[in-house]
Amino acid sequence: MAIPPVNDRPNRYVEEEIRLVFPDGRVAGAISSIAPDSDGQHLWIVERCGGNSCADSPLHPVLKLDLSGRVVRQFGGGLMNAPHGLSLDSEGNIWVTDSQAGAQAPPANGKGHAVFKFSPAGTVLLVLGTPGVAGDGTGGLLNTPCHAVVAPDGTIFVADGHNAQNVPDAVARIVRFSADGRFLQAWGRAGSDRGEFFTPHAMAFDPAGNLVVADRGNNRLQIFRPDGTWVGESRLFGRPSALAFDSAGRIYVADSESSGLRVRNPGWRPGIRTGWLQAEIVESFIEWSTDRMPQGARPEAVAVGSDGVVYGGVVAQGGSLHRFRPVTPGKSP
């Protein structure tokens, strides 16, 4: 069902770029995921080793920053081809997916198709999937996983199947693991019906405890109970690459692909839409400034701090990190 583009909402934010400052002076590359630290003073990001791949790089892709952009901790070097999604659990551990292997990276390099759980100090605590081994969509082996999130009870959910947007009959599912990494359940396949996906690109839990999935290739958010029961969907937030909720329950959705060389969502403009998912309200549209952003650079990552400040990360055109400070408060529906 076609939805009229939602491009006309007011922008309630002022934008600034955050320049990453590394202790060794290295240059930042693509930034595909962001999560605020619980202390309110730091951010965690994944950055692709100065470019858009870590396949042949010893550089560390998992970075902890202070709010000025200074890198205060980094780890994960040599483990991943393309670090993609990042999230924090309630204990402060960092979960990172490696979404590339096979034709997209050096063959048989023993990386990709895996999720890593790191301690805040960078120790690997758990690995889901087998690095370098592609799953077939059954069981616990993974295939280009996009994102992992942890429920309050410790259950782990993985959005599996970055290739589904471009490869016919590719893996496209949500996988549920126990807290210690045992495979429990999976649902979904490539397609556009309820409970099907064309690249489940990111996830977040809503205030009711439902799992909301950015079904990017289908231009929608899908909502599930933790057992996989389909609850509903929304197509009002563009072509979603990432999403986050604030403490009030407001949703923030990054749309990085609605336009460009291949127009995948005609009429919609890329940016960050904020609003209320259950009420189906878009209240604000952050359209990134063309004078600040290179042509073609769009927000693929989004996060929101406890102070209401929004953060956006760019993968295309070399990558960058941006901050959006609220200047006009929104209202609850």
C-alpha atoms as a PDB file:
ATOM      1  CA  MET A   1       0.000   0.000   0.000  1.00  0.00           C
ATOM      2  CA  ALA A   2       1.465   3.356  -1.050  1.00  0.00           C
ATOM      3  CA  ILE A   3       1.770   5.969   1.703  1.00  0.00           C
ATOM      4  CA  PRO A   4       2.057   9.672   0.816  1.00  0.00           C
ATOM      5  CA  PRO A   5       5.593  10.857   1.655  1.00  0.00           C
ATOM      6  CA  VAL A   6       6.025  12.461   5.072  1.00  0.00           C
ATOM      7  CA  ASN A   7       8.572  15.206   4.357  1.00  0.00           C
ATOM      8  CA  ASP A   8       6.785  18.295   5.674  1.00  0.00           C
ATOM      9  CA  ARG A   9       7.163  18.018   9.445  1.00  0.00           C
ATOM     10  CA  PRO A  10       9.089  20.786  11.237  1.00  0.00           C
ATOM     11  CA  ASN A  11      12.732  20.297  12.144  1.00  0.00           C
ATOM     12  CA  ARG A  12      12.986  20.788  15.918  1.00  0.00           C
ATOM     13  CA  TYR A  13      16.766  20.358  16.062  1.00  0.00           C
ATOM     14  CA  VAL A  14      20.007  22.244  15.429  1.00  0.00           C
ATOM     15  CA  GLU A  15      22.775  20.218  13.776  1.00  0.00           C
ATOM     16  CA  GLU A  16      26.511  20.038  14.336  1.00  0.00           C
ATOM     17  CA  GLU A  17      29.157  17.603  13.171  1.00  0.00           C
ATOM     18  CA  ILE A  18      31.256  15.744  15.756  1.00  0.00           C
ATOM     19  CA  ARG A  19      34.846  15.329  14.627  1.00  0.00           C
ATOM     20  CA  LEU A  20      36.378  12.115  15.954  1.00  0.00           C
ATOM     21  CA  VAL A  21      39.760  12.590  17.612  1.00  0.00           C
ATOM     22  CA  PHE A  22      41.891   9.452  17.880  1.00  0.00           C
ATOM     23  CA  PRO A  23      44.924   9.213  20.179  1.00  0.00           C
ATOM     24  CA  ASP A  24      47.031   8.059  17.216  1.00  0.00           C
ATOM     25  CA  GLY A  25      45.640  10.626  14.763  1.00  0.00           C
ATOM     26  CA  ARG A  26      43.915   8.114  12.464  1.00  0.00           C
ATOM     27  CA  VAL A  27      41.029   9.196  10.248  1.00  0.00           C
ATOM     28  CA  ALA A  28      37.467   8.019  10.837  1.00  0.00           C
ATOM     29  CA  GLY A  29      35.504   6.104   8.215  1.00  0.00           C
ATOM     30  CA  ALA A  30      31.942   4.821   7.916  1.00  0.00           C
ATOM     31  CA  ILE A  31      29.869   4.921  11.111  1.00  0.00           C
ATOM     32  CA  SER A  32      27.063   2.383  10.994  1.00  0.00           C
ATOM     33  CA  SER A  33      25.699   2.244  14.551  1.00  0.00           C
ATOM     34  CA  ILE A  34      25.587   4.356  17.728  1.00  0.00           C
ATOM     35  CA  ALA A  35      24.555   3.762  21.351  1.00  0.00           C
ATOM     36  CA  PRO A  36      24.776   6.232  24.260  1.00  0.00           C
ATOM     37  CA  ASP A  37      26.578   4.959  27.336  1.00  0.00           C
ATOM     38  CA  SER A  38      24.506   4.743  30.507  1.00  0.00           C
ATOM     39  CA  ASP A  39      26.689   7.393  32.153  1.00  0.00           C
ATOM     40  CA  GLY A  40      25.300  10.065  29.813  1.00  0.00           C
ATOM     41  CA  GLN A  41      28.824  11.291  29.101  1.00  0.00           C
ATOM     42  CA  HIS A  42      29.976   8.903  26.386  1.00  0.00           C
ATOM     43  CA  LEU A  43      28.904   7.291  23.123  1.00  0.00           C
ATOM     44  CA  TRP A  44      29.720   3.892  21.663  1.00  0.00           C
ATOM     45  CA  ILE A  45      30.009   3.576  17.889  1.00  0.00           C
ATOM     46  CA  VAL A  46      31.210   1.111  15.289  1.00  0.00           C
ATOM     47  CA  GLU A  47      33.510   2.640  12.684  1.00  0.00           C
ATOM     48  CA  ARG A  48      34.845   0.725   9.692  1.00  0.00           C
ATOM     49  CA  CYS A  49      38.578   1.142  10.121  1.00  0.00           C
ATOM     50  CA  GLY A  50      39.026   4.445   8.300  1.00  0.00           C
ATOM     51  CA  GLY A  51      36.962   3.378   5.262  1.00  0.00           C
ATOM     52  CA  ASN A  52      33.999   1.086   4.674  1.00  0.00           C
ATOM     53  CA  SER A  53      35.624  -2.251   5.532  1.00  0.00           C
ATOM     54  CA  CYS A  54      37.800  -3.769   8.239  1.00  0.00           C
ATOM     55  CA  ALA A  55      38.548  -6.965   6.298  1.00  0.00           C
ATOM     56  CA  ASP A  56      42.252  -6.249   5.787  1.00  0.00           C
ATOM     57  CA  SER A  57      42.775  -3.783   8.611  1.00  0.00           C
ATOM     58  CA  PRO A  58      44.247  -4.212  12.110  1.00  0.00           C
ATOM     59  CA  LEU A  59      42.464  -1.038  13.315  1.00  0.00           C
ATOM     60  CA  HIS A  60      39.892  -1.196  16.098  1.00  0.00           C
ATOM     61  CA  PRO A  61      36.272  -0.662  14.982  1.00  0.00           C
ATOM     62  CA  VAL A  62      34.512  -0.497  18.388  1.00  0.00           C
ATOM     63  CA  LEU A  63      34.996   2.967  19.825  1.00  0.00           C
ATOM     64  CA  LYS A  64      33.998   4.736  23.030  1.00  0.00           C
ATOM     65  CA  LEU A  65      33.884   8.529  22.689  1.00  0.00           C
ATOM     66  CA  ASP A  66      33.354  11.406  25.036  1.00  0.00           C
ATOM     67  CA  LEU A  67      30.721  13.889  23.893  1.00  0.00           C
ATOM     68  CA  SER A  68      33.317  16.084  22.202  1.00  0.00           C
ATOM     69  CA  GLY A  69      34.302  13.186  19.907  1.00  0.00           C
ATOM     70  CA  ARG A  70      37.537  12.193  21.640  1.00  0.00           C
ATOM     71  CA  VAL A  71      38.143   8.435  21.449  1.00  0.00           C
ATOM     72  CA  VAL A  72      38.771   7.166  24.989  1.00  0.00           C
ATOM     73  CA  ARG A  73      38.674   3.413  24.306  1.00  0.00           C
ATOM     74  CA  GLN A  74      38.923   1.208  21.210  1.00  0.00           C
ATOM     75  CA  PHE A  75      38.976  -2.541  20.605  1.00  0.00           C
ATOM     76  CA  GLY A  76      37.872  -5.341  18.254  1.00  0.00           C
ATOM     77  CA  GLY A  77      40.696  -5.063  15.726  1.00  0.00           C
ATOM     78  CA  GLY A  78      41.192  -8.072  13.452  1.00  0.00           C
ATOM     79  CA  LEU A  79      37.885  -9.762  14.340  1.00  0.00           C
ATOM     80  CA  MET A  80      35.475  -8.434  11.726  1.00  0.00           C
ATOM     81  CA  ASN A  81      35.031  -7.663   8.046  1.00  0.00           C
ATOM     82  CA  ALA A  82      32.215  -5.122   8.292  1.00  0.00           C
ATOM     83  CA  PRO A  83      31.101  -4.203  11.816  1.00  0.00           C
ATOM     84  CA  HIS A  84      27.483  -3.215  11.345  1.00  0.00           C
ATOM     85  CA  GLY A  85      25.114  -3.017  14.304  1.00  0.00           C
ATOM     86  CA  LEU A  86      25.956  -2.093  17.891  1.00  0.00           C
ATOM     87  CA  SER A  87      23.876  -2.134  21.078  1.00  0.00           C
ATOM     88  CA  LEU A  88      24.419  -2.150  24.836  1.00  0.00           C
ATOM     89  CA  ASP A  89      22.781  -4.497  27.309  1.00  0.00           C
ATOM     90  CA  SER A  90      21.696  -3.620  30.856  1.00  0.00           C
ATOM     91  CA  GLU A  91      25.117  -4.591  32.225  1.00  0.00           C
ATOM     92  CA  GLY A  92      26.949  -2.287  29.834  1.00  0.00           C
ATOM     93  CA  ASN A  93      28.252  -5.033  27.548  1.00  0.00           C
ATOM     94  CA  ILE A  94      28.600  -4.163  23.855  1.00  0.00           C
ATOM     95  CA  TRP A  95      27.058  -6.332  21.128  1.00  0.00           C
ATOM     96  CA  VAL A  96      28.428  -5.939  17.588  1.00  0.00           C
ATOM     97  CA  THR A  97      27.462  -7.770  14.386  1.00  0.00           C
ATOM     98  CA  ASP A  98      29.792  -8.580  11.492  1.00  0.00           C
ATOM     99  CA  SER A  99      27.567  -8.399   8.425  1.00  0.00           C
ATOM    100  CA  GLN A 100      29.911  -9.348   5.587  1.00  0.00           C
ATOM    101  CA  ALA A 101      31.657 -12.442   4.308  1.00  0.00           C
ATOM    102  CA  GLY A 102      31.987 -14.424   1.106  1.00  0.00           C
ATOM    103  CA  ALA A 103      31.779 -12.347  -2.074  1.00  0.00           C
ATOM    104  CA  GLN A 104      31.718  -9.087  -0.093  1.00  0.00           C
ATOM    105  CA  ALA A 105      35.024  -9.762   1.645  1.00  0.00           C
ATOM    106  CA  PRO A 106      38.186 -11.822   1.153  1.00  0.00           C
ATOM    107  CA  PRO A 107      37.008 -15.438   0.794  1.00  0.00           C
ATOM    108  CA  ALA A 108      37.627 -17.847   3.645  1.00  0.00           C
ATOM    109  CA  ASN A 109      39.215 -15.235   5.887  1.00  0.00           C
ATOM    110  CA  GLY A 110      37.417 -16.634   8.925  1.00  0.00           C
ATOM    111  CA  LYS A 111      35.330 -13.538   9.546  1.00  0.00           C
ATOM    112  CA  GLY A 112      31.715 -12.526   9.026  1.00  0.00           C
ATOM    113  CA  HIS A 113      28.354 -14.135   9.893  1.00  0.00           C
ATOM    114  CA  ALA A 114      28.846 -13.568  13.622  1.00  0.00           C
ATOM    115  CA  VAL A 115      27.790 -11.505  16.639  1.00  0.00           C
ATOM    116  CA  PHE A 116      30.329 -10.544  19.307  1.00  0.00           C
ATOM    117  CA  LYS A 117      29.564  -9.710  22.921  1.00  0.00           C
ATOM    118  CA  PHE A 118      32.304  -7.522  24.425  1.00  0.00           C
ATOM    119  CA  SER A 119      32.814  -6.392  27.983  1.00  0.00           C
ATOM    120  CA  PRO A 120      33.179  -2.609  28.396  1.00  0.00           C
ATOM    121  CA  ALA A 121      36.944  -3.216  28.529  1.00  0.00           C
ATOM    122  CA  GLY A 122      36.908  -5.061  25.191  1.00  0.00           C
ATOM    123  CA  THR A 123      37.090  -8.707  26.282  1.00  0.00           C
ATOM    124  CA  VAL A 124      35.136 -11.084  24.030  1.00  0.00           C
ATOM    125  CA  LEU A 125      32.563 -12.739  26.299  1.00  0.00           C
ATOM    126  CA  LEU A 126      30.424 -14.608  23.769  1.00  0.00           C
ATOM    127  CA  VAL A 127      30.242 -15.249  20.016  1.00  0.00           C
ATOM    128  CA  LEU A 128      26.982 -16.139  18.246  1.00  0.00           C
ATOM    129  CA  GLY A 129      27.322 -17.982  14.959  1.00  0.00           C
ATOM    130  CA  THR A 130      30.629 -19.262  13.637  1.00  0.00           C
ATOM    131  CA  PRO A 131      32.885 -16.579  12.113  1.00  0.00           C
ATOM    132  CA  GLY A 132      33.363 -17.236   8.405  1.00  0.00           C
ATOM    133  CA  VAL A 133      30.612 -19.858   8.193  1.00  0.00           C
ATOM    134  CA  ALA A 134      27.319 -18.840   6.550  1.00  0.00           C
ATOM    135  CA  GLY A 135      24.072 -20.213   7.920  1.00  0.00           C
ATOM    136  CA  ASP A 136      21.229 -21.416   5.713  1.00  0.00           C
ATOM    137  CA  GLY A 137      18.422 -19.799   7.698  1.00  0.00           C
ATOM    138  CA  THR A 138      17.901 -22.699  10.085  1.00  0.00           C
ATOM    139  CA  GLY A 139      19.373 -23.127  13.541  1.00  0.00           C
ATOM    140  CA  GLY A 140      21.969 -20.935  15.187  1.00  0.00           C
ATOM    141  CA  LEU A 141      24.404 -20.334  12.322  1.00  0.00           C
ATOM    142  CA  LEU A 142      24.010 -16.782  11.031  1.00  0.00           C
ATOM    143  CA  ASN A 143      24.126 -15.226   7.580  1.00  0.00           C
ATOM    144  CA  THR A 144      25.199 -11.552   7.319  1.00  0.00           C
ATOM    145  CA  PRO A 145      23.601 -10.477  10.639  1.00  0.00           C
ATOM    146  CA  CYS A 146      22.660  -6.810  10.871  1.00  0.00           C
ATOM    147  CA  HIS A 147      21.949  -6.080  14.530  1.00  0.00           C
ATOM    148  CA  ALA A 148      21.602  -7.713  17.952  1.00  0.00           C
ATOM    149  CA  VAL A 149      19.658  -6.512  21.001  1.00  0.00           C
ATOM    150  CA  VAL A 150      19.195  -8.000  24.465  1.00  0.00           C
ATOM    151  CA  ALA A 151      15.853  -8.129  26.274  1.00  0.00           C
ATOM    152  CA  PRO A 152      15.584  -7.291  29.987  1.00  0.00           C
ATOM    153  CA  ASP A 153      15.547 -11.028  30.820  1.00  0.00           C
ATOM    154  CA  GLY A 154      18.828 -11.568  28.954  1.00  0.00           C
ATOM    155  CA  THR A 155      17.320 -13.152  25.845  1.00  0.00           C
ATOM    156  CA  ILE A 156      19.256 -12.175  22.714  1.00  0.00           C
ATOM    157  CA  PHE A 157      17.606 -11.223  19.411  1.00  0.00           C
ATOM    158  CA  VAL A 158      19.539 -11.068  16.138  1.00  0.00           C
ATOM    159  CA  ALA A 159      18.300  -9.474  12.901  1.00  0.00           C
ATOM    160  CA  ASP A 160      19.813 -11.922  10.420  1.00  0.00           C
ATOM    161  CA  GLY A 161      20.131 -11.341   6.676  1.00  0.00           C
ATOM    162  CA  HIS A 162      21.707  -8.158   5.334  1.00  0.00           C
ATOM    163  CA  ASN A 163      21.885  -9.783   1.885  1.00  0.00           C
ATOM    164  CA  ALA A 164      18.108 -10.228   1.627  1.00  0.00           C
ATOM    165  CA  GLN A 165      17.623  -6.820   0.030  1.00  0.00           C
ATOM    166  CA  ASN A 166      19.692  -7.791  -3.006  1.00  0.00           C
ATOM    167  CA  VAL A 167      19.927 -11.603  -3.186  1.00  0.00           C
ATOM    168  CA  PRO A 168      16.887 -13.731  -4.135  1.00  0.00           C
ATOM    169  CA  ASP A 169      15.904 -16.308  -1.506  1.00  0.00           C
ATOM    170  CA  ALA A 170      18.516 -15.004   0.911  1.00  0.00           C
ATOM    171  CA  VAL A 171      18.215 -15.455   4.665  1.00  0.00           C
ATOM    172  CA  ALA A 172      15.901 -12.878   6.256  1.00  0.00           C
ATOM    173  CA  ARG A 173      14.768 -13.628   9.783  1.00  0.00           C
ATOM    174  CA  ILE A 174      14.848 -12.774  13.475  1.00  0.00           C
ATOM    175  CA  VAL A 175      16.751 -15.264  15.639  1.00  0.00           C
ATOM    176  CA  ARG A 176      16.292 -15.666  19.391  1.00  0.00           C
ATOM    177  CA  PHE A 177      19.047 -17.023  21.649  1.00  0.00           C
ATOM    178  CA  SER A 178      19.217 -17.701  25.370  1.00  0.00           C
ATOM    179  CA  ALA A 179      21.454 -15.491  27.507  1.00  0.00           C
ATOM    180  CA  ASP A 180      24.235 -18.076  27.248  1.00  0.00           C
ATOM    181  CA  GLY A 181      23.975 -18.294  23.448  1.00  0.00           C
ATOM    182  CA  ARG A 182      21.766 -21.337  22.879  1.00  0.00           C
ATOM    183  CA  PHE A 183      19.538 -21.178  19.790  1.00  0.00           C
ATOM    184  CA  LEU A 184      15.881 -20.968  20.831  1.00  0.00           C
ATOM    185  CA  GLN A 185      13.755 -19.850  17.902  1.00  0.00           C
ATOM    186  CA  ALA A 186      13.676 -18.051  14.571  1.00  0.00           C
ATOM    187  CA  TRP A 187      10.945 -16.480  12.498  1.00  0.00           C
ATOM    188  CA  GLY A 188      10.673 -14.817   9.119  1.00  0.00           C
ATOM    189  CA  ARG A 189      11.924 -15.311   5.574  1.00  0.00           C
ATOM    190  CA  ALA A 190      12.560 -13.161   2.508  1.00  0.00           C
ATOM    191  CA  GLY A 191       9.330 -11.551   1.325  1.00  0.00           C
ATOM    192  CA  SER A 192       6.900  -8.705   1.876  1.00  0.00           C
ATOM    193  CA  ASP A 193       4.020 -10.328   3.770  1.00  0.00           C
ATOM    194  CA  ARG A 194       3.479 -10.043   7.505  1.00  0.00           C
ATOM    195  CA  GLY A 195       6.475 -11.440   9.339  1.00  0.00           C
ATOM    196  CA  GLU A 196       8.657 -11.491   6.218  1.00  0.00           C
ATOM    197  CA  PHE A 197      11.600  -9.214   5.536  1.00  0.00           C
ATOM    198  CA  PHE A 198      13.791  -7.699   2.868  1.00  0.00           C
ATOM    199  CA  THR A 199      16.755  -6.942   5.133  1.00  0.00           C
ATOM    200  CA  PRO A 200      15.829  -6.721   8.810  1.00  0.00           C
ATOM    201  CA  HIS A 201      18.351  -3.935   9.308  1.00  0.00           C
ATOM    202  CA  ALA A 202      17.940  -2.895  12.962  1.00  0.00           C
ATOM    203  CA  MET A 203      15.791  -3.458  16.040  1.00  0.00           C
ATOM    204  CA  ALA A 204      14.693  -1.847  19.305  1.00  0.00           C
ATOM    205  CA  PHE A 205      12.266  -2.630  22.102  1.00  0.00           C
ATOM    206  CA  ASP A 206       9.313  -0.260  22.457  1.00  0.00           C
ATOM    207  CA  PRO A 207       7.993   0.841  25.884  1.00  0.00           C
ATOM    208  CA  ALA A 208       5.542  -2.085  25.912  1.00  0.00           C
ATOM    209  CA  GLY A 209       8.332  -4.627  25.438  1.00  0.00           C
ATOM    210  CA  ASN A 210       7.554  -5.334  21.788  1.00  0.00           C
ATOM    211  CA  LEU A 211      10.409  -5.881  19.339  1.00  0.00           C
ATOM    212  CA  VAL A 212      10.308  -3.290  16.547  1.00  0.00           C
ATOM    213  CA  VAL A 213      12.219  -4.258  13.399  1.00  0.00           C
ATOM    214  CA  ALA A 214      13.419  -1.900  10.673  1.00  0.00           C
ATOM    215  CA  ASP A 215      12.347  -3.927   7.640  1.00  0.00           C
ATOM    216  CA  ARG A 216      14.301  -1.648   5.343  1.00  0.00           C
ATOM    217  CA  GLY A 217      13.716  -3.310   1.985  1.00  0.00           C
ATOM    218  CA  ASN A 218       9.954  -3.203   2.545  1.00  0.00           C
ATOM    219  CA  ASN A 219       9.899   0.482   3.644  1.00  0.00           C
ATOM    220  CA  ARG A 220       8.304  -0.326   6.989  1.00  0.00           C
ATOM    221  CA  LEU A 221       8.697  -0.989  10.670  1.00  0.00           C
ATOM    222  CA  GLN A 222       7.304  -4.322  11.845  1.00  0.00           C
ATOM    223  CA  ILE A 223       6.271  -4.932  15.451  1.00  0.00           C
ATOM    224  CA  PHE A 224       6.433  -8.317  17.198  1.00  0.00           C
ATOM    225  CA  ARG A 225       6.002  -9.732  20.640  1.00  0.00           C
ATOM    226  CA  PRO A 226       9.189 -11.387  21.917  1.00  0.00           C
ATOM    227  CA  ASP A 227       7.805 -14.810  20.960  1.00  0.00           C
ATOM    228  CA  GLY A 228       7.547 -13.740  17.312  1.00  0.00           C
ATOM    229  CA  THR A 229       3.815 -12.990  17.247  1.00  0.00           C
ATOM    230  CA  TRP A 230       3.130 -10.251  14.693  1.00  0.00           C
ATOM    231  CA  VAL A 231       1.550  -7.147  16.262  1.00  0.00           C
ATOM    232  CA  GLY A 232       1.490  -4.546  13.491  1.00  0.00           C
ATOM    233  CA  GLU A 233       3.497  -2.340  11.145  1.00  0.00           C
ATOM    234  CA  SER A 234       4.043   1.301  10.233  1.00  0.00           C
ATOM    235  CA  ARG A 235       5.073   2.846   6.917  1.00  0.00           C
ATOM    236  CA  LEU A 236       5.050   6.465   8.114  1.00  0.00           C
ATOM    237  CA  PHE A 237       8.760   6.737   8.950  1.00  0.00           C
ATOM    238  CA  GLY A 238      10.301   6.252   5.503  1.00  0.00           C
ATOM    239  CA  ARG A 239      12.770   3.535   4.550  1.00  0.00           C
ATOM    240  CA  PRO A 240      14.182   2.650   7.976  1.00  0.00           C
ATOM    241  CA  SER A 241      17.842   1.828   8.469  1.00  0.00           C
ATOM    242  CA  ALA A 242      17.893   2.317  12.255  1.00  0.00           C
ATOM    243  CA  LEU A 243      15.587   3.238  15.113  1.00  0.00           C
ATOM    244  CA  ALA A 244      15.680   4.195  18.767  1.00  0.00           C
ATOM    245  CA  PHE A 245      13.240   5.097  21.538  1.00  0.00           C
ATOM    246  CA  ASP A 246      13.666   7.731  24.249  1.00  0.00           C
ATOM    247  CA  SER A 247      12.502   7.399  27.859  1.00  0.00           C
ATOM    248  CA  ALA A 248       9.130   8.966  26.992  1.00  0.00           C
ATOM    249  CA  GLY A 249       8.478   6.383  24.282  1.00  0.00           C
ATOM    250  CA  ARG A 250       9.123   8.672  21.300  1.00  0.00           C
ATOM    251  CA  ILE A 251      10.632   6.880  18.299  1.00  0.00           C
ATOM    252  CA  TYR A 252      13.530   8.112  16.154  1.00  0.00           C
ATOM    253  CA  VAL A 253      13.974   6.526  12.719  1.00  0.00           C
ATOM    254  CA  ALA A 254      16.939   7.018  10.371  1.00  0.00           C
ATOM    255  CA  ASP A 255      16.056   6.859   6.668  1.00  0.00           C
ATOM    256  CA  SER A 256      19.225   6.579   4.582  1.00  0.00           C
ATOM    257  CA  GLU A 257      17.928   5.104   1.341  1.00  0.00           C
ATOM    258  CA  SER A 258      14.691   6.747   0.245  1.00  0.00           C
ATOM    259  CA  SER A 259      16.484   8.545  -2.561  1.00  0.00           C
ATOM    260  CA  GLY A 260      19.810   8.450  -4.331  1.00  0.00           C
ATOM    261  CA  LEU A 261      21.218   6.723  -7.361  1.00  0.00           C
ATOM    262  CA  ARG A 262      18.633   3.977  -6.984  1.00  0.00           C
ATOM    263  CA  VAL A 263      15.357   5.527  -5.811  1.00  0.00           C
ATOM    264  CA  ARG A 264      13.904   2.866  -3.533  1.00  0.00           C
ATOM    265  CA  ASN A 265      11.096   4.841  -1.889  1.00  0.00           C
ATOM    266  CA  PRO A 266       9.888   7.429  -4.435  1.00  0.00           C
ATOM    267  CA  GLY A 267       8.931  10.837  -3.099  1.00  0.00           C
ATOM    268  CA  TRP A 268      10.401  10.326   0.366  1.00  0.00           C
ATOM    269  CA  ARG A 269      13.493  12.260   1.433  1.00  0.00           C
ATOM    270  CA  PRO A 270      16.223  10.787   3.637  1.00  0.00           C
ATOM    271  CA  GLY A 271      16.683  12.067   7.172  1.00  0.00           C
ATOM    272  CA  ILE A 272      15.551  11.278  10.699  1.00  0.00           C
ATOM    273  CA  ARG A 273      11.832  11.217  11.520  1.00  0.00           C
ATOM    274  CA  THR A 274      10.654  11.386  15.111  1.00  0.00           C
ATOM    275  CA  GLY A 275       7.214  10.714  16.511  1.00  0.00           C
ATOM    276  CA  TRP A 276       4.958   8.182  18.148  1.00  0.00           C
ATOM    277  CA  LEU A 277       4.772   4.705  16.693  1.00  0.00           C
ATOM    278  CA  GLN A 278       1.606   3.412  18.356  1.00  0.00           C
ATOM    279  CA  ALA A 279      -0.297   6.614  17.600  1.00  0.00           C
ATOM    280  CA  GLU A 280       1.096   6.723  14.022  1.00  0.00           C
ATOM    281  CA  ILE A 281       2.296  10.322  14.383  1.00  0.00           C
ATOM    282  CA  VAL A 282       5.401  11.850  12.786  1.00  0.00           C
ATOM    283  CA  GLU A 283       6.113  15.089  14.632  1.00  0.00           C
ATOM    284  CA  SER A 284       9.534  16.139  13.338  1.00  0.00           C
ATOM    285  CA  PHE A 285      11.745  15.583  10.298  1.00  0.00           C
ATOM    286  CA  ILE A 286      15.491  16.192  10.568  1.00  0.00           C
ATOM    287  CA  GLU A 287      16.656  16.682   7.000  1.00  0.00           C
ATOM    288  CA  TRP A 288      20.413  16.940   7.023  1.00  0.00           C
ATOM    289  CA  SER A 289      21.878  20.186   5.746  1.00  0.00           C
ATOM    290  CA  THR A 290      23.260  19.961   2.226  1.00  0.00           C
ATOM    291  CA  ASP A 291      25.880  22.574   3.122  1.00  0.00           C
ATOM    292  CA  ARG A 292      27.182  20.375   5.941  1.00  0.00           C
ATOM    293  CA  MET A 293      26.870  16.943   4.321  1.00  0.00           C
ATOM    294  CA  PRO A 294      28.582  15.615   1.203  1.00  0.00           C
ATOM    295  CA  GLN A 295      26.223  14.832  -1.651  1.00  0.00           C
ATOM    296  CA  GLY A 296      24.815  11.348  -1.124  1.00  0.00           C
ATOM    297  CA  ALA A 297      25.597  11.151   2.601  1.00  0.00           C
ATOM    298  CA  ARG A 298      22.554  10.077   4.586  1.00  0.00           C
ATOM    299  CA  PRO A 299      21.860   8.917   8.149  1.00  0.00           C
ATOM    300  CA  GLU A 300      22.129   5.153   8.547  1.00  0.00           C
ATOM    301  CA  ALA A 301      22.560   5.151  12.339  1.00  0.00           C
ATOM    302  CA  VAL A 302      20.505   6.933  15.004  1.00  0.00           C
ATOM    303  CA  ALA A 303      20.551   7.147  18.800  1.00  0.00           C
ATOM    304  CA  VAL A 304      19.099   9.472  21.427  1.00  0.00           C
ATOM    305  CA  GLY A 305      20.640  10.478  24.743  1.00  0.00           C
ATOM    306  CA  SER A 306      18.870  10.866  28.068  1.00  0.00           C
ATOM    307  CA  ASP A 307      18.957  14.645  27.503  1.00  0.00           C
ATOM    308  CA  GLY A 308      17.026  14.383  24.228  1.00  0.00           C
ATOM    309  CA  VAL A 309      20.058  15.011  22.019  1.00  0.00           C
ATOM    310  CA  VAL A 310      19.911  12.934  18.832  1.00  0.00           C
ATOM    311  CA  TYR A 311      22.978  11.386  17.185  1.00  0.00           C
ATOM    312  CA  GLY A 312      23.244  10.293  13.569  1.00  0.00           C
ATOM    313  CA  GLY A 313      25.921   8.288  11.791  1.00  0.00           C
ATOM    314  CA  VAL A 314      26.773   8.187   8.087  1.00  0.00           C
ATOM    315  CA  VAL A 315      28.193   5.212   6.163  1.00  0.00           C
ATOM    316  CA  ALA A 316      28.296   6.690   2.643  1.00  0.00           C
ATOM    317  CA  GLN A 317      30.741   9.278   1.321  1.00  0.00           C
ATOM    318  CA  GLY A 318      33.482   8.483   3.811  1.00  0.00           C
ATOM    319  CA  GLY A 319      31.288   8.530   6.929  1.00  0.00           C
ATOM    320  CA  SER A 320      30.646  11.093   9.647  1.00  0.00           C
ATOM    321  CA  LEU A 321      28.989  11.579  13.041  1.00  0.00           C
ATOM    322  CA  HIS A 322      26.409  14.293  13.776  1.00  0.00           C
ATOM    323  CA  ARG A 323      24.622  15.695  16.804  1.00  0.00           C
ATOM    324  CA  PHE A 324      21.159  17.293  16.770  1.00  0.00           C
ATOM    325  CA  ARG A 325      20.195  19.410  19.761  1.00  0.00           C
ATOM    326  CA  PRO A 326      16.461  19.942  20.397  1.00  0.00           C
ATOM    327  CA  VAL A 327      15.340  23.549  20.256  1.00  0.00           C
ATOM    328  CA  THR A 328      11.559  23.109  20.097  1.00  0.00           C
ATOM    329  CA  PRO A 329      10.118  20.423  22.368  1.00  0.00           C
ATOM    330  CA  GLY A 330       7.650  17.967  20.935  1.00  0.00           C
ATOM    331  CA  LYS A 331       4.486  16.937  22.720  1.00  0.00           C
ATOM    332  CA  SER A 332       3.151  13.549  23.677  1.00  0.00           C
ATOM    333  CA  PRO A 333       0.091  12.488  21.651  1.00  0.00           C
END
